[in-house]
């Protein structure tokens, strides 16, 4: 399917939003001595924490597209810095689960509160119907991006 001219302005804005979000993450990562991969891991782990989904090192590596040794190195860094804990849990006590610490949640809040406040302020001017439409739109864009990633062959 070719990109139609009517879609181009909106797709360009989505691309710009993604670039600006990446630039924000880069800046707060550097200021706090974290790698970009560390930030992605913490974001995923916080989301899992909020939804009470247990995360294993294998699941984290899969989500981040990391090898087992790279996942171990990532978890070692985050563990040393006090951002995650590895615990044996669940019905199979041999299985390791990774959780974010209170310290990591506080750091995440500190790093991303300014962005969240600016985004919330920008959303204040929209009606409830417009916000519902925006939610549907963003959910559809996430699904489309996930589908496009699945179409790209594994490296």
Foldseek 3Di string as FASTA:
>chain_A
DDDDPVCVVVVVVVVVVVVVVVVLLVVLCVVVVHDSLLVVLLVVQVVCVVVVNWAALVNSCVVSVHDSVVSVVSVVVCVVVQQKDWAQDDPGSVTITIHGDPVNVVSVCVSCVVVVVVVVVVCVPDDPVVVVVVVVVVVVVVVVVVVVVVVDDDD
